[in-house]
N, C-alpha and C. Protein backbone atom coordinates (compact mmCIF):
# COMPACT_ATOMS: atom_id res chain seq x y z
N MET A 1 53.62 70.37 46.53
CA MET A 1 53.06 69.27 47.29
C MET A 1 51.89 68.68 46.50
N ALA A 2 51.98 67.42 46.13
CA ALA A 2 50.93 66.76 45.35
C ALA A 2 49.66 66.63 46.18
N VAL A 3 48.51 66.86 45.52
CA VAL A 3 47.21 66.76 46.17
C VAL A 3 46.45 65.55 45.64
N GLY A 4 46.57 65.27 44.35
CA GLY A 4 45.88 64.13 43.77
C GLY A 4 45.85 64.22 42.26
N GLU A 5 45.37 63.13 41.65
CA GLU A 5 45.26 63.07 40.20
C GLU A 5 44.08 62.19 39.83
N ARG A 6 43.32 62.65 38.82
CA ARG A 6 42.21 61.86 38.30
C ARG A 6 41.91 62.34 36.89
N ASN A 7 41.68 61.41 35.98
CA ASN A 7 41.32 61.74 34.59
C ASN A 7 42.29 62.71 33.95
N GLY A 8 43.57 62.59 34.26
CA GLY A 8 44.59 63.45 33.66
C GLY A 8 44.73 64.81 34.32
N LEU A 9 43.93 65.09 35.32
CA LEU A 9 44.03 66.37 36.04
C LEU A 9 44.88 66.15 37.29
N ARG A 10 46.09 66.74 37.27
CA ARG A 10 47.02 66.63 38.39
C ARG A 10 46.94 67.91 39.22
N LEU A 11 46.73 67.73 40.52
CA LEU A 11 46.58 68.86 41.42
C LEU A 11 47.71 68.89 42.43
N SER A 12 48.21 70.09 42.69
CA SER A 12 49.26 70.26 43.69
C SER A 12 49.20 71.65 44.27
N LEU A 13 49.71 71.78 45.48
CA LEU A 13 49.81 73.07 46.15
C LEU A 13 51.18 73.65 45.91
N VAL A 14 51.24 74.93 45.72
CA VAL A 14 52.49 75.66 45.62
C VAL A 14 52.72 76.30 46.99
N ASN A 15 53.90 76.14 47.53
CA ASN A 15 54.21 76.70 48.84
C ASN A 15 54.21 78.23 48.75
N ARG A 16 53.35 78.85 49.53
CA ARG A 16 53.27 80.31 49.59
C ARG A 16 53.92 80.76 50.90
N PRO A 17 55.16 81.23 50.85
CA PRO A 17 55.87 81.54 52.09
C PRO A 17 55.33 82.75 52.84
N ARG A 18 54.64 83.65 52.14
CA ARG A 18 54.12 84.85 52.79
C ARG A 18 52.64 84.66 53.12
N ARG A 19 52.27 84.89 54.37
CA ARG A 19 50.87 84.77 54.79
C ARG A 19 50.11 86.02 54.36
N ASP A 20 49.15 85.85 53.43
CA ASP A 20 48.36 86.98 52.94
C ASP A 20 47.09 86.46 52.28
N ILE A 21 46.35 87.37 51.63
CA ILE A 21 45.14 86.98 50.89
C ILE A 21 45.36 87.12 49.39
N GLU A 22 46.57 87.37 48.98
CA GLU A 22 47.05 87.53 47.60
C GLU A 22 46.20 88.54 46.83
N THR A 23 45.66 88.18 45.68
CA THR A 23 45.02 89.14 44.79
C THR A 23 43.54 89.30 45.11
N VAL A 24 43.14 90.51 45.50
CA VAL A 24 41.73 90.81 45.75
C VAL A 24 41.11 91.24 44.43
N ILE A 25 40.04 90.57 44.05
CA ILE A 25 39.36 90.83 42.80
C ILE A 25 38.30 91.91 43.03
N GLN A 26 38.43 93.04 42.34
CA GLN A 26 37.53 94.17 42.54
C GLN A 26 36.48 94.32 41.44
N ARG A 27 36.71 93.65 40.29
CA ARG A 27 35.79 93.76 39.15
C ARG A 27 35.54 92.36 38.58
N PRO A 28 34.33 92.10 38.11
CA PRO A 28 34.05 90.80 37.51
C PRO A 28 34.93 90.48 36.30
N ASP A 29 35.41 91.51 35.59
CA ASP A 29 36.23 91.28 34.41
C ASP A 29 37.73 91.45 34.70
N SER A 30 38.12 91.26 35.93
CA SER A 30 39.52 91.46 36.32
C SER A 30 40.46 90.54 35.54
N PRO A 31 41.57 91.08 35.02
CA PRO A 31 42.55 90.25 34.34
C PRO A 31 43.33 89.36 35.31
N ASP A 32 43.15 89.57 36.61
CA ASP A 32 43.87 88.80 37.62
C ASP A 32 43.13 87.55 38.07
N LEU A 33 41.98 87.25 37.47
CA LEU A 33 41.25 86.04 37.85
C LEU A 33 42.03 84.79 37.47
N ILE A 34 41.93 83.78 38.28
CA ILE A 34 42.50 82.47 37.99
C ILE A 34 41.93 81.97 36.67
N ALA A 35 42.75 81.33 35.85
CA ALA A 35 42.32 80.80 34.56
C ALA A 35 41.10 79.89 34.72
N GLY A 36 40.06 80.15 33.94
CA GLY A 36 38.85 79.34 33.96
C GLY A 36 37.79 79.81 34.95
N VAL A 37 38.16 80.66 35.90
CA VAL A 37 37.19 81.22 36.82
C VAL A 37 36.49 82.37 36.10
N GLU A 38 35.17 82.43 36.24
CA GLU A 38 34.41 83.52 35.65
C GLU A 38 33.54 84.14 36.73
N VAL A 39 33.36 85.45 36.65
CA VAL A 39 32.53 86.18 37.59
C VAL A 39 31.59 87.09 36.80
N GLU A 40 30.34 87.12 37.21
CA GLU A 40 29.41 88.08 36.63
C GLU A 40 28.66 88.76 37.77
N ALA A 41 28.32 90.01 37.57
CA ALA A 41 27.58 90.76 38.57
C ALA A 41 26.09 90.46 38.44
N GLY A 42 25.46 90.17 39.54
CA GLY A 42 24.02 89.98 39.55
C GLY A 42 23.35 91.31 39.85
N LEU A 43 22.05 91.35 39.69
CA LEU A 43 21.27 92.54 39.99
C LEU A 43 20.35 92.25 41.16
N VAL A 44 20.22 93.22 42.04
CA VAL A 44 19.28 93.13 43.16
C VAL A 44 18.20 94.17 42.91
N HIS A 45 16.96 93.74 43.05
CA HIS A 45 15.81 94.62 42.83
C HIS A 45 15.09 94.80 44.18
N PRO A 46 15.47 95.84 44.94
CA PRO A 46 14.86 96.04 46.25
C PRO A 46 13.55 96.85 46.15
N ASP A 47 12.69 96.62 47.10
CA ASP A 47 11.51 97.47 47.29
C ASP A 47 11.16 97.44 48.77
N ASP A 48 9.97 97.96 49.12
CA ASP A 48 9.63 98.08 50.54
C ASP A 48 9.27 96.74 51.20
N ARG A 49 9.27 95.66 50.44
CA ARG A 49 8.99 94.33 51.00
C ARG A 49 10.25 93.50 51.20
N GLY A 50 11.36 93.90 50.58
CA GLY A 50 12.60 93.12 50.61
C GLY A 50 13.33 93.29 49.30
N PHE A 51 13.80 92.16 48.72
CA PHE A 51 14.44 92.27 47.42
C PHE A 51 14.26 90.98 46.64
N PHE A 52 14.46 91.10 45.34
CA PHE A 52 14.44 89.96 44.42
C PHE A 52 15.74 89.98 43.65
N THR A 53 16.29 88.81 43.40
CA THR A 53 17.48 88.72 42.56
C THR A 53 17.42 87.42 41.77
N GLU A 54 17.84 87.48 40.53
CA GLU A 54 17.98 86.26 39.73
C GLU A 54 19.34 85.67 40.05
N LEU A 55 19.40 84.36 40.20
CA LEU A 55 20.68 83.74 40.51
C LEU A 55 21.42 83.32 39.25
N PHE A 56 20.77 82.54 38.41
CA PHE A 56 21.42 82.07 37.19
C PHE A 56 20.39 82.04 36.07
N ARG A 57 20.78 82.51 34.91
CA ARG A 57 19.99 82.35 33.70
C ARG A 57 20.76 81.35 32.85
N VAL A 58 20.43 80.08 33.03
CA VAL A 58 21.19 79.03 32.36
C VAL A 58 21.05 79.21 30.85
N GLY A 59 22.21 79.37 30.20
CA GLY A 59 22.25 79.53 28.76
C GLY A 59 22.19 80.97 28.29
N ALA A 60 21.80 81.90 29.15
CA ALA A 60 21.65 83.29 28.72
C ALA A 60 22.93 84.09 28.87
N THR A 61 23.85 83.61 29.68
CA THR A 61 25.11 84.33 29.88
C THR A 61 26.27 83.36 29.67
N SER A 62 27.45 83.90 29.45
CA SER A 62 28.61 83.03 29.22
C SER A 62 28.92 82.18 30.45
N LEU A 63 28.56 82.65 31.63
CA LEU A 63 28.86 81.92 32.85
C LEU A 63 28.21 80.54 32.86
N THR A 64 26.97 80.44 32.37
CA THR A 64 26.23 79.18 32.44
C THR A 64 25.88 78.58 31.08
N ARG A 65 26.40 79.14 30.00
CA ARG A 65 26.03 78.68 28.67
C ARG A 65 26.28 77.18 28.47
N ARG A 66 27.37 76.66 29.00
CA ARG A 66 27.68 75.25 28.79
C ARG A 66 26.75 74.30 29.54
N LEU A 67 25.88 74.83 30.38
CA LEU A 67 24.94 73.98 31.13
C LEU A 67 23.65 73.67 30.37
N VAL A 68 23.42 74.35 29.25
CA VAL A 68 22.21 74.10 28.47
C VAL A 68 22.22 72.65 28.00
N GLY A 69 21.15 71.94 28.29
CA GLY A 69 21.03 70.55 27.87
C GLY A 69 21.89 69.59 28.68
N HIS A 70 22.51 70.06 29.74
CA HIS A 70 23.35 69.20 30.57
C HIS A 70 22.49 68.15 31.26
N ALA A 71 22.92 66.91 31.24
CA ALA A 71 22.11 65.81 31.78
C ALA A 71 21.97 65.87 33.29
N THR A 72 22.97 66.39 33.98
CA THR A 72 22.90 66.48 35.43
C THR A 72 23.12 67.92 35.86
N LEU A 73 22.28 68.36 36.75
CA LEU A 73 22.39 69.71 37.30
C LEU A 73 21.79 69.65 38.69
N GLN A 74 22.53 70.08 39.67
CA GLN A 74 22.04 70.06 41.05
C GLN A 74 22.10 71.46 41.62
N ALA A 75 21.04 71.87 42.31
CA ALA A 75 21.00 73.15 43.02
C ALA A 75 21.04 72.85 44.52
N SER A 76 21.88 73.59 45.24
CA SER A 76 22.04 73.37 46.68
C SER A 76 22.15 74.71 47.38
N ALA A 77 22.04 74.68 48.69
CA ALA A 77 22.21 75.89 49.49
C ALA A 77 22.93 75.54 50.77
N ALA A 78 23.74 76.47 51.25
CA ALA A 78 24.44 76.31 52.52
C ALA A 78 24.24 77.58 53.35
N VAL A 79 23.92 77.41 54.61
CA VAL A 79 23.82 78.51 55.54
C VAL A 79 24.96 78.36 56.54
N SER A 80 25.70 79.44 56.75
CA SER A 80 26.84 79.41 57.68
C SER A 80 26.73 80.61 58.60
N TYR A 81 27.11 80.41 59.85
CA TYR A 81 27.01 81.47 60.84
C TYR A 81 28.19 82.44 60.76
N PRO A 82 28.03 83.64 61.30
CA PRO A 82 29.10 84.65 61.24
C PRO A 82 30.43 84.09 61.76
N GLY A 83 31.51 84.37 61.03
CA GLY A 83 32.84 83.95 61.42
C GLY A 83 33.22 82.54 61.01
N ILE A 84 32.28 81.76 60.51
CA ILE A 84 32.55 80.38 60.11
C ILE A 84 33.40 80.36 58.85
N ILE A 85 34.39 79.47 58.84
CA ILE A 85 35.22 79.25 57.65
C ILE A 85 34.88 77.87 57.09
N LYS A 86 34.52 77.82 55.83
CA LYS A 86 34.30 76.55 55.13
C LYS A 86 35.33 76.49 54.02
N ALA A 87 36.42 75.80 54.30
CA ALA A 87 37.50 75.75 53.32
C ALA A 87 38.42 74.61 53.68
N LEU A 88 39.16 74.22 52.80
CA LEU A 88 39.25 74.44 51.38
C LEU A 88 38.92 73.11 50.73
N HIS A 89 38.08 73.10 49.75
CA HIS A 89 37.81 71.85 49.04
C HIS A 89 37.93 72.07 47.54
N PHE A 90 38.00 70.96 46.82
CA PHE A 90 38.20 71.00 45.37
C PHE A 90 37.57 69.77 44.75
N HIS A 91 37.40 69.83 43.44
CA HIS A 91 36.82 68.72 42.68
C HIS A 91 37.73 68.39 41.50
N PHE A 92 37.68 67.15 41.07
CA PHE A 92 38.41 66.72 39.88
C PHE A 92 37.53 66.83 38.64
N GLU A 93 36.20 66.71 38.81
CA GLU A 93 35.30 66.69 37.67
C GLU A 93 34.22 67.78 37.72
N GLN A 94 33.75 68.11 38.88
CA GLN A 94 32.61 69.01 39.05
C GLN A 94 32.98 70.48 38.91
N THR A 95 32.12 71.23 38.24
CA THR A 95 32.20 72.68 38.19
C THR A 95 31.12 73.24 39.11
N ASP A 96 31.49 74.22 39.94
CA ASP A 96 30.55 74.89 40.84
C ASP A 96 30.19 76.26 40.27
N TYR A 97 28.95 76.67 40.50
CA TYR A 97 28.47 77.99 40.14
C TYR A 97 27.88 78.60 41.41
N TRP A 98 28.61 79.51 42.02
CA TRP A 98 28.23 80.06 43.32
C TRP A 98 27.45 81.36 43.17
N ALA A 99 26.45 81.53 44.05
CA ALA A 99 25.70 82.78 44.17
C ALA A 99 25.47 83.06 45.65
N PRO A 100 26.38 83.80 46.30
CA PRO A 100 26.13 84.20 47.69
C PRO A 100 24.97 85.19 47.70
N VAL A 101 23.90 84.88 48.43
CA VAL A 101 22.69 85.70 48.34
C VAL A 101 22.38 86.51 49.59
N LEU A 102 22.86 86.10 50.75
CA LEU A 102 22.65 86.86 51.97
C LEU A 102 23.94 86.88 52.78
N GLY A 103 24.15 87.98 53.48
CA GLY A 103 25.38 88.13 54.22
C GLY A 103 26.52 88.46 53.27
N MET A 104 27.72 88.44 53.78
CA MET A 104 28.90 88.69 52.95
C MET A 104 29.90 87.57 53.18
N LEU A 105 30.46 87.10 52.07
CA LEU A 105 31.45 86.04 52.11
C LEU A 105 32.80 86.55 51.62
N GLN A 106 33.85 86.17 52.31
CA GLN A 106 35.22 86.34 51.82
C GLN A 106 35.55 85.01 51.15
N VAL A 107 35.53 85.02 49.83
CA VAL A 107 35.72 83.80 49.04
C VAL A 107 37.20 83.68 48.67
N VAL A 108 37.76 82.50 48.88
CA VAL A 108 39.14 82.24 48.47
C VAL A 108 39.13 81.18 47.38
N LEU A 109 39.89 81.44 46.32
CA LEU A 109 40.07 80.51 45.22
C LEU A 109 41.57 80.28 45.06
N CYS A 110 41.96 79.02 44.86
CA CYS A 110 43.37 78.68 44.71
C CYS A 110 43.52 77.69 43.56
N ASP A 111 44.34 78.04 42.58
CA ASP A 111 44.52 77.17 41.42
C ASP A 111 45.49 76.04 41.77
N LEU A 112 44.98 74.83 41.83
CA LEU A 112 45.76 73.64 42.16
C LEU A 112 46.19 72.86 40.93
N ARG A 113 45.80 73.29 39.74
CA ARG A 113 46.01 72.52 38.51
C ARG A 113 47.43 72.68 37.99
N GLU A 114 48.17 71.58 38.03
CA GLU A 114 49.51 71.60 37.45
C GLU A 114 49.38 71.85 35.95
N GLY A 115 50.22 72.69 35.41
CA GLY A 115 50.18 73.00 33.99
C GLY A 115 49.29 74.19 33.66
N SER A 116 48.48 74.64 34.60
CA SER A 116 47.65 75.82 34.37
C SER A 116 48.54 77.06 34.40
N LYS A 117 48.22 78.04 33.56
CA LYS A 117 49.02 79.27 33.53
C LYS A 117 48.91 80.04 34.85
N SER A 118 47.90 79.73 35.66
CA SER A 118 47.75 80.41 36.94
C SER A 118 47.95 79.48 38.13
N HIS A 119 48.66 78.33 37.89
CA HIS A 119 48.90 77.37 38.97
C HIS A 119 49.54 78.07 40.17
N GLY A 120 48.94 77.86 41.34
CA GLY A 120 49.45 78.46 42.57
C GLY A 120 48.86 79.82 42.91
N MET A 121 48.18 80.46 41.95
CA MET A 121 47.57 81.76 42.22
C MET A 121 46.43 81.64 43.21
N VAL A 122 46.25 82.68 44.00
CA VAL A 122 45.14 82.77 44.94
C VAL A 122 44.38 84.06 44.66
N ASN A 123 43.06 83.94 44.57
CA ASN A 123 42.18 85.10 44.43
C ASN A 123 41.30 85.20 45.68
N THR A 124 41.03 86.43 46.11
CA THR A 124 40.07 86.70 47.16
C THR A 124 38.98 87.58 46.58
N LEU A 125 37.72 87.18 46.80
CA LEU A 125 36.57 87.96 46.33
C LEU A 125 35.67 88.20 47.53
N TYR A 126 35.06 89.35 47.58
CA TYR A 126 34.06 89.65 48.59
C TYR A 126 32.72 89.71 47.87
N ALA A 127 31.83 88.79 48.21
CA ALA A 127 30.56 88.68 47.48
C ALA A 127 29.43 88.39 48.46
N GLY A 128 28.24 88.83 48.10
CA GLY A 128 27.07 88.60 48.94
C GLY A 128 26.05 89.69 48.71
N THR A 129 25.34 90.05 49.77
CA THR A 129 24.27 91.04 49.66
C THR A 129 24.76 92.35 49.06
N LEU A 130 25.92 92.82 49.50
CA LEU A 130 26.42 94.11 49.04
C LEU A 130 27.13 94.03 47.70
N ARG A 131 27.46 92.83 47.26
CA ARG A 131 28.11 92.62 45.97
C ARG A 131 27.59 91.29 45.41
N PRO A 132 26.47 91.33 44.69
CA PRO A 132 25.82 90.09 44.24
C PRO A 132 26.51 89.47 43.02
N TRP A 133 27.69 88.96 43.24
CA TRP A 133 28.44 88.32 42.16
C TRP A 133 28.11 86.85 42.07
N ARG A 134 28.16 86.32 40.85
CA ARG A 134 28.02 84.88 40.57
C ARG A 134 29.39 84.41 40.12
N VAL A 135 29.83 83.26 40.62
CA VAL A 135 31.19 82.81 40.37
C VAL A 135 31.19 81.38 39.84
N LYS A 136 31.86 81.18 38.71
CA LYS A 136 32.05 79.84 38.14
C LYS A 136 33.43 79.35 38.61
N ILE A 137 33.44 78.15 39.24
CA ILE A 137 34.67 77.59 39.77
C ILE A 137 34.92 76.24 39.08
N PRO A 138 35.92 76.18 38.20
CA PRO A 138 36.16 74.94 37.45
C PRO A 138 36.85 73.86 38.29
N PRO A 139 36.85 72.62 37.80
CA PRO A 139 37.57 71.55 38.49
C PRO A 139 39.04 71.93 38.69
N GLY A 140 39.57 71.53 39.84
CA GLY A 140 40.98 71.78 40.12
C GLY A 140 41.26 73.12 40.78
N VAL A 141 40.24 73.95 40.95
CA VAL A 141 40.42 75.21 41.66
C VAL A 141 39.84 75.04 43.06
N GLY A 142 40.74 75.09 44.06
CA GLY A 142 40.30 74.98 45.44
C GLY A 142 39.45 76.19 45.79
N HIS A 143 38.43 75.98 46.64
CA HIS A 143 37.54 77.07 46.98
C HIS A 143 37.00 76.91 48.39
N GLY A 144 36.73 78.07 48.98
CA GLY A 144 36.15 78.11 50.31
C GLY A 144 35.77 79.53 50.64
N TYR A 145 35.26 79.73 51.84
CA TYR A 145 34.85 81.07 52.22
C TYR A 145 34.80 81.22 53.73
N LYS A 146 34.78 82.49 54.14
CA LYS A 146 34.54 82.86 55.53
C LYS A 146 33.37 83.83 55.52
N VAL A 147 32.42 83.64 56.45
CA VAL A 147 31.31 84.58 56.59
C VAL A 147 31.83 85.77 57.38
N ILE A 148 31.74 86.94 56.76
CA ILE A 148 32.20 88.16 57.43
C ILE A 148 30.99 89.01 57.80
N GLY A 149 31.11 89.82 58.80
CA GLY A 149 29.99 90.62 59.27
C GLY A 149 29.23 89.90 60.36
N GLY A 150 28.08 90.45 60.73
CA GLY A 150 27.34 89.96 61.88
C GLY A 150 26.14 89.09 61.58
N GLU A 151 25.89 88.77 60.32
CA GLU A 151 24.73 87.94 59.99
C GLU A 151 25.18 86.66 59.28
N PRO A 152 24.35 85.62 59.34
CA PRO A 152 24.70 84.39 58.63
C PRO A 152 24.87 84.64 57.13
N GLY A 153 25.64 83.79 56.49
CA GLY A 153 25.80 83.84 55.05
C GLY A 153 25.01 82.72 54.40
N VAL A 154 24.37 83.02 53.30
CA VAL A 154 23.63 82.01 52.55
C VAL A 154 24.24 81.93 51.16
N LEU A 155 24.70 80.73 50.81
CA LEU A 155 25.29 80.46 49.51
C LEU A 155 24.40 79.49 48.77
N VAL A 156 23.90 79.91 47.61
CA VAL A 156 23.15 79.02 46.71
C VAL A 156 24.09 78.68 45.58
N TYR A 157 24.13 77.41 45.19
CA TYR A 157 25.05 77.04 44.12
C TYR A 157 24.50 75.92 43.26
N LEU A 158 24.91 75.98 42.00
CA LEU A 158 24.63 74.92 41.03
C LEU A 158 25.89 74.10 40.84
N THR A 159 25.72 72.84 40.54
CA THR A 159 26.84 72.00 40.13
C THR A 159 26.44 71.25 38.87
N ASP A 160 27.41 70.98 38.03
CA ASP A 160 27.11 70.28 36.78
C ASP A 160 27.15 68.77 36.93
N ARG A 161 27.26 68.31 38.17
CA ARG A 161 27.21 66.88 38.49
C ARG A 161 26.47 66.73 39.81
N PHE A 162 25.90 65.55 40.03
CA PHE A 162 25.28 65.28 41.32
C PHE A 162 26.37 65.07 42.36
N TYR A 163 26.04 65.33 43.61
CA TYR A 163 27.02 65.21 44.70
C TYR A 163 27.65 63.82 44.69
N ASN A 164 28.98 63.80 44.71
CA ASN A 164 29.76 62.57 44.71
C ASN A 164 30.95 62.77 45.64
N PRO A 165 30.92 62.19 46.84
CA PRO A 165 32.02 62.41 47.78
C PRO A 165 33.39 61.96 47.25
N GLN A 166 33.42 61.03 46.30
CA GLN A 166 34.70 60.58 45.73
C GLN A 166 35.33 61.63 44.82
N ASP A 167 34.55 62.60 44.37
CA ASP A 167 35.07 63.66 43.50
C ASP A 167 35.59 64.85 44.30
N GLU A 168 35.39 64.84 45.60
CA GLU A 168 35.72 65.99 46.41
C GLU A 168 36.96 65.72 47.26
N GLY A 169 37.89 66.67 47.23
CA GLY A 169 39.06 66.62 48.09
C GLY A 169 39.05 67.81 49.04
N ARG A 170 39.74 67.67 50.14
CA ARG A 170 39.76 68.74 51.13
C ARG A 170 41.18 69.00 51.62
N LEU A 171 41.40 70.27 51.90
CA LEU A 171 42.64 70.71 52.56
C LEU A 171 42.23 71.51 53.78
N GLU A 172 43.03 71.49 54.82
CA GLU A 172 42.72 72.27 56.01
C GLU A 172 42.70 73.75 55.66
N TYR A 173 41.81 74.49 56.31
CA TYR A 173 41.70 75.93 56.03
C TYR A 173 43.00 76.65 56.36
N ASP A 174 43.79 76.09 57.27
CA ASP A 174 45.05 76.72 57.67
C ASP A 174 46.26 75.93 57.17
N HIS A 175 46.12 75.27 56.02
CA HIS A 175 47.21 74.47 55.46
C HIS A 175 48.45 75.35 55.30
N PRO A 176 49.62 74.90 55.76
CA PRO A 176 50.82 75.74 55.71
C PRO A 176 51.28 76.10 54.29
N PHE A 177 51.02 75.27 53.30
CA PHE A 177 51.41 75.62 51.93
C PHE A 177 50.52 76.74 51.40
N LEU A 178 49.21 76.67 51.68
CA LEU A 178 48.30 77.71 51.22
C LEU A 178 48.61 79.03 51.95
N ASN A 179 48.85 78.95 53.27
CA ASN A 179 49.28 80.10 54.06
C ASN A 179 48.35 81.30 53.86
N TYR A 180 47.05 81.04 53.86
CA TYR A 180 46.05 82.09 53.64
C TYR A 180 45.74 82.79 54.96
N ASP A 181 45.65 84.10 54.90
CA ASP A 181 45.39 84.90 56.10
C ASP A 181 43.89 85.17 56.23
N TRP A 182 43.22 84.42 57.09
CA TRP A 182 41.78 84.56 57.29
C TRP A 182 41.44 85.68 58.28
N GLU A 183 42.43 86.32 58.85
CA GLU A 183 42.20 87.37 59.84
C GLU A 183 41.68 88.64 59.18
N LEU A 184 41.09 89.50 59.98
CA LEU A 184 40.61 90.80 59.52
C LEU A 184 41.77 91.58 58.93
N GLN A 185 41.60 92.09 57.71
CA GLN A 185 42.70 92.76 57.00
C GLN A 185 42.80 94.24 57.30
N HIS A 186 41.69 94.90 57.51
CA HIS A 186 41.70 96.36 57.71
C HIS A 186 41.37 96.65 59.17
N LYS A 187 42.36 96.40 60.01
CA LYS A 187 42.16 96.46 61.48
C LYS A 187 42.07 97.88 61.97
């Protein structure tokens, strides 16, 4: 099912007949990651006052190296309440760099890029306070999340472009082609 095309990037959904969460990513260096997606583990430094964590060291790691000297860089934050699903959206030009910092997020990534070696693949990552992962999401990879657990989720993210609603596309969280299972898995 065609989703759109811009600047030579053609996006489409692959019909997934089985309702599931597909590949759960357990390690930042997993060979099962969607092509172009990168994950790095962050560090949390707790003490008796709370905790400190670095979100991004632009240029110091492979995740953000291409951002050095970038003319546009935007930092944003989103707070979502427990059980909220924010999905699924994608970009034709923008790269997102996610850092879930509070709560836990069930992150879904779906490769919409026709011609990509991982076209149609879906990854599920669990990231947040208990797993401080940073995630690079390239253009053409659909992304969204559900806040799991009993506290709000806070997502801080960088983008390599300023917000442009014309660059953003959306699919319903329950799109029948995606067929993603947002329900509790370990009942």
